[in-house]
Amino acid sequence: MKLNVLESIMSIKPYEPGKPIDELKREYGIKNIVKLASNENPVGPSPLAVKAIGEHLSTMNRYPDGSAFKLTDKLAEHFGVKHENIVIGNGSDDIIALLAHAFLGSGKEAIMPFPSFLMYEISVKTAGGTPVMVPLNGLEIDLDALADAVTDRTAMIFLTNPNNPTGSHFTTSQFNDFMKKIPSDVMVIVDEAYIEFARDFNIFNSLANPLFDQRVISLRTFSKAYGLAGFRVGYGIMDKEIAEVLHRIRQPFNVNSLAQVAAAAALDDDEFLQKGVKVMQEGVDYLSEELSKMGITTFPTQSNFFLLDVKRDATEVFKSLLKHGIITRSMKSYGFESYLRINAGLPEENRAFIEAFKQVISL
């Protein structure tokens, strides 16, 4: 059968997730795997979330609450907003896709930094819109260049703070200056998937003062700092009129029941959240220091991951580390030929990476 596929769909490069642990076990027969590739929380989920999951297993014969009322209620209280301002998604990329499908189409453009989260481009193309890629300034998001790229076809701008994959960030004053240049009818989607790890108190935090500007849409996730990546729960906080549109097109049961109760419980466990953040911040510091002792250039980050320059083909180093049971991420496909991205793991995982890396880099 000859498929009639839209050219915009065929132009999409499929998203490549980090290599799964089980796949590496099958390929190399290695039992002890260290995965530092997907920016996950190695501490795991909150015990409160695990307990809540167990308590709700017996209700899995019922459909989820399509409105995610309890989770929405907790988020509304947590951030001082109303139910009508919140959209819950199957990961924050679910909400990215909803925004693209609701407000883009033929002739509409979405501006985004490059490189950044690949799902922006994929969602825009899938919705029939045109992605406008604005290169980074070094490793920093170039807010001036993003503003200069706005035309009468621009419907939305994607920003990631801190940025993935570089770990760089922009401050509140930089963002405020940027917004002065943006037309009143252009949405600015601020993806803050990693903001819980930030250490710079000047970083722009869109939810420090929620809904201060109806153009700004805040995206957050439970996948990273909260350790619930396997449950896929994200949320957006936005003007109620935008939220109403997204609710029209989202799937009615887009977030499963266990994910909803796990996220609600995790939100209550701030002590555990801070413990995990501390472990990862200490891990970033340890890894950066050890790599610097080896003469390896690492780059500043406000997240739980960072870039390092291996001064050779990054994919070859990535493959060599796999043979030692270490999963990292080559940045070659992002245009960084000699860069790896790694996230902090548990202390023993970080030490295992350093020992393996010493062997690989000496070859």
Foldseek 3Di string as FASTA:
>chain_A
DDDDDDPLLVPADDDDAFDDLVVLCVVQVDDDFFEFAHQAQQVAADPLLVVLLVVCPVVQVDFAQLLLVLLLVLVCVVLVHDSLQKDKFLALLRVLLLLLLLFFAALAEEEEEAPFDSSNSNSNSVNHHHYDYHYAPVLHRDLVVSLVPDDPRYAEYEAEALTPPAQHADFPVVVVVSVVSDDLRYAYEYEDAFQLLADPPRGDDCSVPDPPRQRYKYKYGCRHLNNPVVQRMIMIGHDSVSSVSSSVPRDSRRGGRSSSSSSSSSVVCVVSSVVSSVQLVVQVVVLCVLCVVVVWDWDDHRGQKTKIFLVAAQVVLQVQVSSLNYTWARCVVSVRRRMIMGGGHGPVSSVSSSVSSVVSSVD
